[in-house]
């Protein structure tokens, strides 16, 4: 049912507008909104894939932490870092250290 009254939305303050929208939603949506079956199925599949990815990340994180704890620190680490930092346009030391660790990890994978 329409009142046929004109409402100037830009006359509302932000909190007033939010309250007005919420009141209209409460008025017209009596229950919780659940999408149709096709949208619901797609959303479930998306949620399931995200949950699986997060599970794999958590497992990989634990393995990576244990790997890092057991790793030997190269005796030449400081020298290698200093050499890379002297290179033109080298990023911050921690970014450079990450790149160094990544290259060492790649070398281990090749062995």
PDB file of N, CA and C in Angstrom:
ATOM      1  N   UNK A   1       0.840  -1.168   0.000  1.00  0.00           N
ATOM      2  CA  UNK A   1       0.000   0.000   0.000  1.00  0.00           C
ATOM      3  C   UNK A   1       0.890   1.238   0.000  1.00  0.00           C
ATOM      4  N   UNK A   2       0.650   2.105  -0.926  1.00  0.00           N
ATOM      5  CA  UNK A   2       1.475   3.309  -1.061  1.00  0.00           C
ATOM      6  C   UNK A   2       0.736   4.520  -0.507  1.00  0.00           C
ATOM      7  N   UNK A   3       1.516   5.402   0.106  1.00  0.00           N
ATOM      8  CA  UNK A   3       0.911   6.622   0.652  1.00  0.00           C
ATOM      9  C   UNK A   3       0.893   7.728  -0.380  1.00  0.00           C
ATOM     10  N   UNK A   4       1.652   7.573  -1.445  1.00  0.00           N
ATOM     11  CA  UNK A   4       1.808   8.568  -2.507  1.00  0.00           C
ATOM     12  C   UNK A   4       2.365   9.877  -1.978  1.00  0.00           C
ATOM     13  N   UNK A   5       3.094   9.786  -0.846  1.00  0.00           N
ATOM     14  CA  UNK A   5       3.782  10.967  -0.326  1.00  0.00           C
ATOM     15  C   UNK A   5       5.189  10.968  -0.876  1.00  0.00           C
ATOM     16  N   UNK A   6       5.661  12.122  -1.225  1.00  0.00           N
ATOM     17  CA  UNK A   6       7.026  12.257  -1.721  1.00  0.00           C
ATOM     18  C   UNK A   6       7.966  12.347  -0.526  1.00  0.00           C
ATOM     19  N   UNK A   7       9.039  11.586  -0.581  1.00  0.00           N
ATOM     20  CA  UNK A   7      10.027  11.610   0.492  1.00  0.00           C
ATOM     21  C   UNK A   7      11.344  12.090  -0.105  1.00  0.00           C
ATOM     22  N   UNK A   8      11.905  13.139   0.442  1.00  0.00           N
ATOM     23  CA  UNK A   8      13.198  13.650  -0.004  1.00  0.00           C
ATOM     24  C   UNK A   8      14.285  12.921   0.786  1.00  0.00           C
ATOM     25  N   UNK A   9      14.869  11.932   0.179  1.00  0.00           N
ATOM     26  CA  UNK A   9      15.860  11.115   0.869  1.00  0.00           C
ATOM     27  C   UNK A   9      17.093  11.917   1.269  1.00  0.00           C
ATOM     28  N   UNK A  10      17.464  12.890   0.458  1.00  0.00           N
ATOM     29  CA  UNK A  10      18.658  13.666   0.790  1.00  0.00           C
ATOM     30  C   UNK A  10      18.401  14.661   1.930  1.00  0.00           C
ATOM     31  N   UNK A  11      17.154  14.781   2.388  1.00  0.00           N
ATOM     32  CA  UNK A  11      16.844  15.641   3.528  1.00  0.00           C
ATOM     33  C   UNK A  11      17.159  14.932   4.850  1.00  0.00           C
ATOM     34  N   UNK A  12      17.290  13.615   4.791  1.00  0.00           N
ATOM     35  CA  UNK A  12      17.625  12.843   5.987  1.00  0.00           C
ATOM     36  C   UNK A  12      19.094  13.013   6.342  1.00  0.00           C
ATOM     37  N   UNK A  13      19.392  12.957   7.624  1.00  0.00           N
ATOM     38  CA  UNK A  13      20.784  12.778   8.034  1.00  0.00           C
ATOM     39  C   UNK A  13      21.090  11.299   7.812  1.00  0.00           C
ATOM     40  N   UNK A  14      22.359  10.918   7.854  1.00  0.00           N
ATOM     41  CA  UNK A  14      22.704   9.508   7.644  1.00  0.00           C
ATOM     42  C   UNK A  14      22.011   8.601   8.669  1.00  0.00           C
ATOM     43  N   UNK A  15      22.038   8.916   9.979  1.00  0.00           N
ATOM     44  CA  UNK A  15      21.346   8.045  10.937  1.00  0.00           C
ATOM     45  C   UNK A  15      19.834   7.989  10.705  1.00  0.00           C
ATOM     46  N   UNK A  16      19.241   9.126  10.334  1.00  0.00           N
ATOM     47  CA  UNK A  16      17.796   9.141  10.052  1.00  0.00           C
ATOM     48  C   UNK A  16      17.481   8.268   8.840  1.00  0.00           C
ATOM     49  N   UNK A  17      18.319   8.339   7.807  1.00  0.00           N
ATOM     50  CA  UNK A  17      18.090   7.540   6.600  1.00  0.00           C
ATOM     51  C   UNK A  17      18.178   6.055   6.917  1.00  0.00           C
ATOM     52  N   UNK A  18      19.196   5.676   7.690  1.00  0.00           N
ATOM     53  CA  UNK A  18      19.346   4.263   8.066  1.00  0.00           C
ATOM     54  C   UNK A  18      18.134   3.792   8.850  1.00  0.00           C
ATOM     55  N   UNK A  19      17.690   4.596   9.789  1.00  0.00           N
ATOM     56  CA  UNK A  19      16.507   4.229  10.581  1.00  0.00           C
ATOM     57  C   UNK A  19      15.283   4.106   9.688  1.00  0.00           C
ATOM     58  N   UNK A  20      15.128   5.008   8.722  1.00  0.00           N
ATOM     59  CA  UNK A  20      13.974   4.952   7.817  1.00  0.00           C
ATOM     60  C   UNK A  20      14.011   3.680   6.961  1.00  0.00           C
ATOM     61  N   UNK A  21      15.183   3.364   6.406  1.00  0.00           N
ATOM     62  CA  UNK A  21      15.316   2.150   5.592  1.00  0.00           C
ATOM     63  C   UNK A  21      15.035   0.914   6.436  1.00  0.00           C
ATOM     64  N   UNK A  22      15.617   0.859   7.630  1.00  0.00           N
ATOM     65  CA  UNK A  22      15.392  -0.295   8.507  1.00  0.00           C
ATOM     66  C   UNK A  22      13.932  -0.442   8.885  1.00  0.00           C
ATOM     67  N   UNK A  23      13.249   0.678   9.135  1.00  0.00           N
ATOM     68  CA  UNK A  23      11.814   0.595   9.489  1.00  0.00           C
ATOM     69  C   UNK A  23      10.998   0.070   8.319  1.00  0.00           C
ATOM     70  N   UNK A  24      11.350   0.482   7.101  1.00  0.00           N
ATOM     71  CA  UNK A  24      10.627  -0.008   5.912  1.00  0.00           C
ATOM     72  C   UNK A  24      10.908  -1.496   5.693  1.00  0.00           C
ATOM     73  N   UNK A  25      12.141  -1.923   5.935  1.00  0.00           N
ATOM     74  CA  UNK A  25      12.455  -3.348   5.798  1.00  0.00           C
ATOM     75  C   UNK A  25      11.686  -4.170   6.832  1.00  0.00           C
ATOM     76  N   UNK A  26      11.647  -3.693   8.092  1.00  0.00           N
ATOM     77  CA  UNK A  26      10.886  -4.404   9.130  1.00  0.00           C
ATOM     78  C   UNK A  26       9.400  -4.467   8.779  1.00  0.00           C
ATOM     79  N   UNK A  27       8.904  -3.409   8.201  1.00  0.00           N
ATOM     80  CA  UNK A  27       7.493  -3.336   7.833  1.00  0.00           C
ATOM     81  C   UNK A  27       7.145  -4.323   6.720  1.00  0.00           C
ATOM     82  N   UNK A  28       8.024  -4.463   5.751  1.00  0.00           N
ATOM     83  CA  UNK A  28       7.715  -5.265   4.565  1.00  0.00           C
ATOM     84  C   UNK A  28       8.310  -6.666   4.580  1.00  0.00           C
ATOM     85  N   UNK A  29       9.316  -6.907   5.404  1.00  0.00           N
ATOM     86  CA  UNK A  29       9.908  -8.237   5.513  1.00  0.00           C
ATOM     87  C   UNK A  29       9.623  -8.765   6.909  1.00  0.00           C
ATOM     88  N   UNK A  30       8.634  -9.591   7.010  1.00  0.00           N
ATOM     89  CA  UNK A  30       8.207 -10.077   8.322  1.00  0.00           C
ATOM     90  C   UNK A  30       9.171 -11.119   8.902  1.00  0.00           C
ATOM     91  N   UNK A  31       9.819 -11.894   8.060  1.00  0.00           N
ATOM     92  CA  UNK A  31      10.756 -12.922   8.542  1.00  0.00           C
ATOM     93  C   UNK A  31      12.143 -12.676   7.988  1.00  0.00           C
ATOM     94  N   UNK A  32      13.024 -13.604   8.255  1.00  0.00           N
ATOM     95  CA  UNK A  32      14.373 -13.512   7.717  1.00  0.00           C
ATOM     96  C   UNK A  32      14.339 -13.797   6.229  1.00  0.00           C
ATOM     97  N   UNK A  33      15.097 -13.056   5.491  1.00  0.00           N
ATOM     98  CA  UNK A  33      15.154 -13.225   4.038  1.00  0.00           C
ATOM     99  C   UNK A  33      16.128 -14.348   3.704  1.00  0.00           C
ATOM    100  N   UNK A  34      15.663 -15.363   3.005  1.00  0.00           N
ATOM    101  CA  UNK A  34      16.501 -16.458   2.528  1.00  0.00           C
ATOM    102  C   UNK A  34      16.320 -16.514   1.013  1.00  0.00           C
ATOM    103  N   UNK A  35      17.422 -16.513   0.270  1.00  0.00           N
ATOM    104  CA  UNK A  35      17.310 -16.495  -1.196  1.00  0.00           C
ATOM    105  C   UNK A  35      16.724 -17.789  -1.746  1.00  0.00           C
ATOM    106  N   UNK A  36      16.411 -17.742  -3.050  1.00  0.00           N
ATOM    107  CA  UNK A  36      15.845 -18.941  -3.682  1.00  0.00           C
ATOM    108  C   UNK A  36      16.884 -20.059  -3.722  1.00  0.00           C
ATOM    109  N   UNK A  37      16.452 -21.260  -4.098  1.00  0.00           N
ATOM    110  CA  UNK A  37      17.306 -22.452  -4.015  1.00  0.00           C
ATOM    111  C   UNK A  37      18.583 -22.357  -4.848  1.00  0.00           C
ATOM    112  N   UNK A  38      18.493 -21.783  -6.043  1.00  0.00           N
ATOM    113  CA  UNK A  38      19.682 -21.695  -6.904  1.00  0.00           C
ATOM    114  C   UNK A  38      20.737 -20.782  -6.278  1.00  0.00           C
ATOM    115  N   UNK A  39      20.317 -19.640  -5.785  1.00  0.00           N
ATOM    116  CA  UNK A  39      21.253 -18.704  -5.149  1.00  0.00           C
ATOM    117  C   UNK A  39      21.798 -19.309  -3.861  1.00  0.00           C
ATOM    118  N   UNK A  40      20.930 -19.966  -3.117  1.00  0.00           N
ATOM    119  CA  UNK A  40      21.338 -20.606  -1.870  1.00  0.00           C
ATOM    120  C   UNK A  40      22.378 -21.698  -2.131  1.00  0.00           C
ATOM    121  N   UNK A  41      22.168 -22.496  -3.174  1.00  0.00           N
ATOM    122  CA  UNK A  41      23.114 -23.564  -3.520  1.00  0.00           C
ATOM    123  C   UNK A  41      24.470 -22.977  -3.926  1.00  0.00           C
ATOM    124  N   UNK A  42      24.460 -21.915  -4.735  1.00  0.00           N
ATOM    125  CA  UNK A  42      25.721 -21.266  -5.130  1.00  0.00           C
ATOM    126  C   UNK A  42      26.446 -20.703  -3.911  1.00  0.00           C
ATOM    127  N   UNK A  43      25.703 -20.057  -3.021  1.00  0.00           N
ATOM    128  CA  UNK A  43      26.305 -19.472  -1.820  1.00  0.00           C
ATOM    129  C   UNK A  43      26.878 -20.566  -0.922  1.00  0.00           C
ATOM    130  N   UNK A  44      26.187 -21.688  -0.824  1.00  0.00           N
ATOM    131  CA  UNK A  44      26.687 -22.802  -0.006  1.00  0.00           C
ATOM    132  C   UNK A  44      27.985 -23.352  -0.592  1.00  0.00           C
ATOM    133  N   UNK A  45      28.025 -23.513  -1.894  1.00  0.00           N
ATOM    134  CA  UNK A  45      29.241 -24.019  -2.538  1.00  0.00           C
ATOM    135  C   UNK A  45      30.411 -23.057  -2.330  1.00  0.00           C
ATOM    136  N   UNK A  46      30.127 -21.755  -2.447  1.00  0.00           N
ATOM    137  CA  UNK A  46      31.157 -20.749  -2.199  1.00  0.00           C
ATOM    138  C   UNK A  46      31.646 -20.832  -0.753  1.00  0.00           C
ATOM    139  N   UNK A  47      30.726 -20.938   0.199  1.00  0.00           N
ATOM    140  CA  UNK A  47      31.089 -21.029   1.619  1.00  0.00           C
ATOM    141  C   UNK A  47      31.886 -22.303   1.884  1.00  0.00           C
ATOM    142  N   UNK A  48      31.493 -23.393   1.257  1.00  0.00           N
ATOM    143  CA  UNK A  48      32.198 -24.663   1.433  1.00  0.00           C
ATOM    144  C   UNK A  48      33.620 -24.585   0.884  1.00  0.00           C
ATOM    145  N   UNK A  49      33.787 -23.953  -0.274  1.00  0.00           N
ATOM    146  CA  UNK A  49      35.137 -23.830  -0.845  1.00  0.00           C
ATOM    147  C   UNK A  49      36.007 -22.928   0.023  1.00  0.00           C
ATOM    148  N   UNK A  50      35.454 -21.852   0.543  1.00  0.00           N
ATOM    149  CA  UNK A  50      36.213 -20.962   1.422  1.00  0.00           C
ATOM    150  C   UNK A  50      36.610 -21.687   2.702  1.00  0.00           C
ATOM    151  N   UNK A  51      35.684 -22.473   3.263  1.00  0.00           N
ATOM    152  CA  UNK A  51      35.990 -23.239   4.474  1.00  0.00           C
ATOM    153  C   UNK A  51      37.114 -24.240   4.206  1.00  0.00           C
ATOM    154  N   UNK A  52      37.078 -24.901   3.046  1.00  0.00           N
ATOM    155  CA  UNK A  52      38.114 -25.874   2.684  1.00  0.00           C
ATOM    156  C   UNK A  52      39.469 -25.183   2.505  1.00  0.00           C
ATOM    157  N   UNK A  53      39.474 -24.033   1.847  1.00  0.00           N
ATOM    158  CA  UNK A  53      40.705 -23.268   1.651  1.00  0.00           C
ATOM    159  C   UNK A  53      41.266 -22.836   3.005  1.00  0.00           C
ATOM    160  N   UNK A  54      40.410 -22.327   3.880  1.00  0.00           N
ATOM    161  CA  UNK A  54      40.866 -21.899   5.206  1.00  0.00           C
ATOM    162  C   UNK A  54      41.429 -23.064   6.011  1.00  0.00           C
ATOM    163  N   UNK A  55      40.810 -24.229   5.881  1.00  0.00           N
ATOM    164  CA  UNK A  55      41.306 -25.430   6.566  1.00  0.00           C
ATOM    165  C   UNK A  55      42.700 -25.785   6.041  1.00  0.00           C
ATOM    166  N   UNK A  56      42.877 -25.746   4.728  1.00  0.00           N
ATOM    167  CA  UNK A  56      44.172 -26.069   4.125  1.00  0.00           C
ATOM    168  C   UNK A  56      45.229 -25.039   4.533  1.00  0.00           C
ATOM    169  N   UNK A  57      44.844 -23.778   4.600  1.00  0.00           N
ATOM    170  CA  UNK A  57      45.782 -22.736   5.024  1.00  0.00           C
ATOM    171  C   UNK A  57      46.225 -22.982   6.456  1.00  0.00           C
ATOM    172  N   UNK A  58      45.286 -23.312   7.323  1.00  0.00           N
ATOM    173  CA  UNK A  58      45.624 -23.553   8.731  1.00  0.00           C
ATOM    174  C   UNK A  58      46.582 -24.729   8.864  1.00  0.00           C
ATOM    175  N   UNK A  59      46.322 -25.811   8.113  1.00  0.00           N
ATOM    176  CA  UNK A  59      47.213 -26.972   8.152  1.00  0.00           C
ATOM    177  C   UNK A  59      48.600 -26.620   7.604  1.00  0.00           C
ATOM    178  N   UNK A  60      48.632 -25.876   6.500  1.00  0.00           N
ATOM    179  CA  UNK A  60      49.911 -25.484   5.903  1.00  0.00           C
ATOM    180  C   UNK A  60      50.660 -24.528   6.824  1.00  0.00           C
ATOM    181  N   UNK A  61      49.931 -23.659   7.510  1.00  0.00           N
ATOM    182  CA  UNK A  61      50.556 -22.711   8.433  1.00  0.00           C
ATOM    183  C   UNK A  61      51.286 -23.451   9.550  1.00  0.00           C
ATOM    184  N   UNK A  62      50.620 -24.434  10.133  1.00  0.00           N
ATOM    185  CA  UNK A  62      51.248 -25.200  11.218  1.00  0.00           C
ATOM    186  C   UNK A  62      52.497 -25.920  10.722  1.00  0.00           C
ATOM    187  N   UNK A  63      52.405 -26.511   9.551  1.00  0.00           N
ATOM    188  CA  UNK A  63      53.554 -27.212   8.968  1.00  0.00           C
ATOM    189  C   UNK A  63      54.691 -26.233   8.676  1.00  0.00           C
ATOM    190  N   UNK A  64      54.362 -25.064   8.156  1.00  0.00           N
ATOM    191  CA  UNK A  64      55.376 -24.061   7.823  1.00  0.00           C
ATOM    192  C   UNK A  64      56.070 -23.535   9.075  1.00  0.00           C
ATOM    193  N   UNK A  65      55.316 -23.351  10.149  1.00  0.00           N
ATOM    194  CA  UNK A  65      55.910 -22.877  11.403  1.00  0.00           C
ATOM    195  C   UNK A  65      56.900 -23.903  11.943  1.00  0.00           C
ATOM    196  N   UNK A  66      56.521 -25.162  11.914  1.00  0.00           N
ATOM    197  CA  UNK A  66      57.426 -26.225  12.378  1.00  0.00           C
ATOM    198  C   UNK A  66      58.660 -26.310  11.491  1.00  0.00           C
ATOM    199  N   UNK A  67      58.472 -26.171  10.179  1.00  0.00           N
ATOM    200  CA  UNK A  67      59.586 -26.181   9.227  1.00  0.00           C
ATOM    201  C   UNK A  67      60.554 -25.040   9.541  1.00  0.00           C
ATOM    202  N   UNK A  68      60.001 -23.848   9.780  1.00  0.00           N
ATOM    203  CA  UNK A  68      60.836 -22.671  10.053  1.00  0.00           C
ATOM    204  C   UNK A  68      61.585 -22.812  11.376  1.00  0.00           C
ATOM    205  N   UNK A  69      60.924 -23.388  12.387  1.00  0.00           N
ATOM    206  CA  UNK A  69      61.589 -23.586  13.684  1.00  0.00           C
ATOM    207  C   UNK A  69      62.787 -24.520  13.551  1.00  0.00           C
ATOM    208  N   UNK A  70      62.683 -25.520  12.683  1.00  0.00           N
ATOM    209  CA  UNK A  70      63.745 -26.510  12.528  1.00  0.00           C
ATOM    210  C   UNK A  70      64.832 -26.070  11.536  1.00  0.00           C
ATOM    211  N   UNK A  71      64.593 -24.998  10.806  1.00  0.00           N
ATOM    212  CA  UNK A  71      65.539 -24.573   9.763  1.00  0.00           C
ATOM    213  C   UNK A  71      66.825 -24.023  10.364  1.00  0.00           C
ATOM    214  N   UNK A  72      67.905 -24.318   9.690  1.00  0.00           N
ATOM    215  CA  UNK A  72      69.211 -23.766  10.075  1.00  0.00           C
ATOM    216  C   UNK A  72      69.312 -22.351   9.503  1.00  0.00           C
ATOM    217  N   UNK A  73      69.812 -21.421  10.308  1.00  0.00           N
ATOM    218  CA  UNK A  73      70.001 -20.051   9.845  1.00  0.00           C
ATOM    219  C   UNK A  73      71.351 -19.987   9.130  1.00  0.00           C
ATOM    220  N   UNK A  74      71.379 -19.528   7.879  1.00  0.00           N
ATOM    221  CA  UNK A  74      72.657 -19.468   7.152  1.00  0.00           C
ATOM    222  C   UNK A  74      73.652 -18.556   7.868  1.00  0.00           C
ATOM    223  N   UNK A  75      74.904 -18.989   7.958  1.00  0.00           N
ATOM    224  CA  UNK A  75      75.942 -18.188   8.611  1.00  0.00           C
ATOM    225  C   UNK A  75      76.164 -16.876   7.870  1.00  0.00           C
ATOM    226  N   UNK A  76      75.906 -16.899   6.575  1.00  0.00           N
ATOM    227  CA  UNK A  76      76.143 -15.698   5.755  1.00  0.00           C
ATOM    228  C   UNK A  76      74.874 -14.848   5.584  1.00  0.00           C
ATOM    229  N   UNK A  77      73.874 -15.064   6.424  1.00  0.00           N
ATOM    230  CA  UNK A  77      72.599 -14.364   6.257  1.00  0.00           C
ATOM    231  C   UNK A  77      72.765 -12.844   6.263  1.00  0.00           C
ATOM    232  N   UNK A  78      73.464 -12.316   7.260  1.00  0.00           N
ATOM    233  CA  UNK A  78      73.656 -10.870   7.361  1.00  0.00           C
ATOM    234  C   UNK A  78      74.375 -10.332   6.117  1.00  0.00           C
ATOM    235  N   UNK A  79      75.403 -11.030   5.671  1.00  0.00           N
ATOM    236  CA  UNK A  79      76.172 -10.600   4.502  1.00  0.00           C
ATOM    237  C   UNK A  79      75.297 -10.636   3.241  1.00  0.00           C
ATOM    238  N   UNK A  80      74.514 -11.711   3.082  1.00  0.00           N
ATOM    239  CA  UNK A  80      73.634 -11.810   1.916  1.00  0.00           C
ATOM    240  C   UNK A  80      72.585 -10.690   1.922  1.00  0.00           C
ATOM    241  N   UNK A  81      72.042 -10.414   3.098  1.00  0.00           N
ATOM    242  CA  UNK A  81      71.038  -9.359   3.215  1.00  0.00           C
ATOM    243  C   UNK A  81      71.649  -8.004   2.885  1.00  0.00           C
ATOM    244  N   UNK A  82      72.837  -7.737   3.430  1.00  0.00           N
ATOM    245  CA  UNK A  82      73.512  -6.458   3.169  1.00  0.00           C
ATOM    246  C   UNK A  82      73.800  -6.294   1.682  1.00  0.00           C
ATOM    247  N   UNK A  83      74.240  -7.367   1.028  1.00  0.00           N
ATOM    248  CA  UNK A  83      74.541  -7.311  -0.407  1.00  0.00           C
ATOM    249  C   UNK A  83      73.284  -6.978  -1.212  1.00  0.00           C
ATOM    250  N   UNK A  84      72.183  -7.629  -0.859  1.00  0.00           N
ATOM    251  CA  UNK A  84      70.928  -7.363  -1.580  1.00  0.00           C
ATOM    252  C   UNK A  84      70.418  -5.950  -1.317  1.00  0.00           C
ATOM    253  N   UNK A  85      70.617  -5.466  -0.087  1.00  0.00           N
ATOM    254  CA  UNK A  85      70.148  -4.110   0.237  1.00  0.00           C
ATOM    255  C   UNK A  85      70.945  -3.039  -0.497  1.00  0.00           C
ATOM    256  N   UNK A  86      72.209  -3.335  -0.829  1.00  0.00           N
ATOM    257  CA  UNK A  86      73.041  -2.368  -1.555  1.00  0.00           C
ATOM    258  C   UNK A  86      72.600  -2.244  -3.017  1.00  0.00           C
ATOM    259  N   UNK A  87      71.879  -3.252  -3.501  1.00  0.00           N
ATOM    260  CA  UNK A  87      71.414  -3.215  -4.893  1.00  0.00           C
ATOM    261  C   UNK A  87      70.508  -1.994  -5.083  1.00  0.00           C
ATOM    262  N   UNK A  88      70.584  -1.406  -6.246  1.00  0.00           N
ATOM    263  CA  UNK A  88      69.793  -0.209  -6.538  1.00  0.00           C
ATOM    264  C   UNK A  88      68.297  -0.492  -6.390  1.00  0.00           C
ATOM    265  N   UNK A  89      67.628   0.375  -5.682  1.00  0.00           N
ATOM    266  CA  UNK A  89      66.172   0.258  -5.540  1.00  0.00           C
ATOM    267  C   UNK A  89      65.710  -0.875  -4.655  1.00  0.00           C
ATOM    268  N   UNK A  90      66.585  -1.370  -3.794  1.00  0.00           N
ATOM    269  CA  UNK A  90      66.198  -2.467  -2.909  1.00  0.00           C
ATOM    270  C   UNK A  90      65.118  -1.994  -1.942  1.00  0.00           C
ATOM    271  N   UNK A  91      64.106  -2.823  -1.702  1.00  0.00           N
ATOM    272  CA  UNK A  91      63.056  -2.448  -0.748  1.00  0.00           C
ATOM    273  C   UNK A  91      63.560  -2.522   0.690  1.00  0.00           C
ATOM    274  N   UNK A  92      62.681  -2.373   1.638  1.00  0.00           N
ATOM    275  CA  UNK A  92      63.017  -2.417   3.062  1.00  0.00           C
ATOM    276  C   UNK A  92      63.684  -3.747   3.409  1.00  0.00           C
ATOM    277  N   UNK A  93      64.431  -3.752   4.509  1.00  0.00           N
ATOM    278  CA  UNK A  93      65.196  -4.936   4.886  1.00  0.00           C
ATOM    279  C   UNK A  93      64.311  -6.162   5.074  1.00  0.00           C
ATOM    280  N   UNK A  94      63.100  -5.994   5.643  1.00  0.00           N
ATOM    281  CA  UNK A  94      62.257  -7.168   5.881  1.00  0.00           C
ATOM    282  C   UNK A  94      61.702  -7.737   4.580  1.00  0.00           C
ATOM    283  N   UNK A  95      61.414  -6.850   3.619  1.00  0.00           N
ATOM    284  CA  UNK A  95      60.970  -7.330   2.307  1.00  0.00           C
ATOM    285  C   UNK A  95      62.112  -8.054   1.599  1.00  0.00           C
ATOM    286  N   UNK A  96      63.300  -7.505   1.734  1.00  0.00           N
ATOM    287  CA  UNK A  96      64.479  -8.115   1.130  1.00  0.00           C
ATOM    288  C   UNK A  96      64.777  -9.457   1.787  1.00  0.00           C
ATOM    289  N   UNK A  97      64.623  -9.526   3.111  1.00  0.00           N
ATOM    290  CA  UNK A  97      64.833 -10.778   3.831  1.00  0.00           C
ATOM    291  C   UNK A  97      63.826 -11.842   3.371  1.00  0.00           C
ATOM    292  N   UNK A  98      62.569 -11.421   3.166  1.00  0.00           N
ATOM    293  CA  UNK A  98      61.560 -12.361   2.668  1.00  0.00           C
ATOM    294  C   UNK A  98      61.976 -12.906   1.299  1.00  0.00           C
ATOM    295  N   UNK A  99      62.417 -12.017   0.417  1.00  0.00           N
ATOM    296  CA  UNK A  99      62.839 -12.459  -0.915  1.00  0.00           C
ATOM    297  C   UNK A  99      64.014 -13.425  -0.824  1.00  0.00           C
ATOM    298  N   UNK A 100      64.919 -13.159   0.102  1.00  0.00           N
ATOM    299  CA  UNK A 100      66.060 -14.045   0.316  1.00  0.00           C
ATOM    300  C   UNK A 100      65.593 -15.416   0.804  1.00  0.00           C
ATOM    301  N   UNK A 101      64.704 -15.432   1.779  1.00  0.00           N
ATOM    302  CA  UNK A 101      64.170 -16.693   2.300  1.00  0.00           C
ATOM    303  C   UNK A 101      63.418 -17.451   1.207  1.00  0.00           C
ATOM    304  N   UNK A 102      62.657 -16.715   0.423  1.00  0.00           N
ATOM    305  CA  UNK A 102      61.914 -17.355  -0.668  1.00  0.00           C
ATOM    306  C   UNK A 102      62.861 -17.988  -1.677  1.00  0.00           C
ATOM    307  N   UNK A 103      63.957 -17.302  -1.992  1.00  0.00           N
ATOM    308  CA  UNK A 103      64.910 -17.875  -2.960  1.00  0.00           C
ATOM    309  C   UNK A 103      65.607 -19.099  -2.382  1.00  0.00           C
ATOM    310  N   UNK A 104      65.886 -19.074  -1.074  1.00  0.00           N
ATOM    311  CA  UNK A 104      66.500 -20.247  -0.434  1.00  0.00           C
ATOM    312  C   UNK A 104      65.518 -21.421  -0.422  1.00  0.00           C
ATOM    313  N   UNK A 105      64.268 -21.142  -0.191  1.00  0.00           N
ATOM    314  CA  UNK A 105      63.240 -22.180  -0.188  1.00  0.00           C
ATOM    315  C   UNK A 105      63.097 -22.789  -1.573  1.00  0.00           C
ATOM    316  N   UNK A 106      63.164 -21.951  -2.584  1.00  0.00           N
ATOM    317  CA  UNK A 106      63.063 -22.436  -3.972  1.00  0.00           C
ATOM    318  C   UNK A 106      64.246 -23.322  -4.313  1.00  0.00           C
ATOM    319  N   UNK A 107      65.437 -22.942  -3.824  1.00  0.00           N
ATOM    320  CA  UNK A 107      66.623 -23.775  -4.058  1.00  0.00           C
ATOM    321  C   UNK A 107      66.481 -25.132  -3.386  1.00  0.00           C
ATOM    322  N   UNK A 108      65.895 -25.152  -2.178  1.00  0.00           N
ATOM    323  CA  UNK A 108      65.684 -26.435  -1.472  1.00  0.00           C
ATOM    324  C   UNK A 108      64.716 -27.314  -2.226  1.00  0.00           C
ATOM    325  N   UNK A 109      63.681 -26.695  -2.838  1.00  0.00           N
ATOM    326  CA  UNK A 109      62.697 -27.457  -3.609  1.00  0.00           C
ATOM    327  C   UNK A 109      63.322 -28.083  -4.853  1.00  0.00           C
ATOM    328  N   UNK A 110      64.344 -27.405  -5.416  1.00  0.00           N
ATOM    329  CA  UNK A 110      65.006 -27.914  -6.612  1.00  0.00           C
ATOM    330  C   UNK A 110      65.922 -29.092  -6.312  1.00  0.00           C
ATOM    331  N   UNK A 111      66.388 -29.185  -5.066  1.00  0.00           N
ATOM    332  CA  UNK A 111      67.312 -30.275  -4.679  1.00  0.00           C
ATOM    333  C   UNK A 111      66.646 -31.622  -4.650  1.00  0.00           C
TER     334      UNK A 111
END
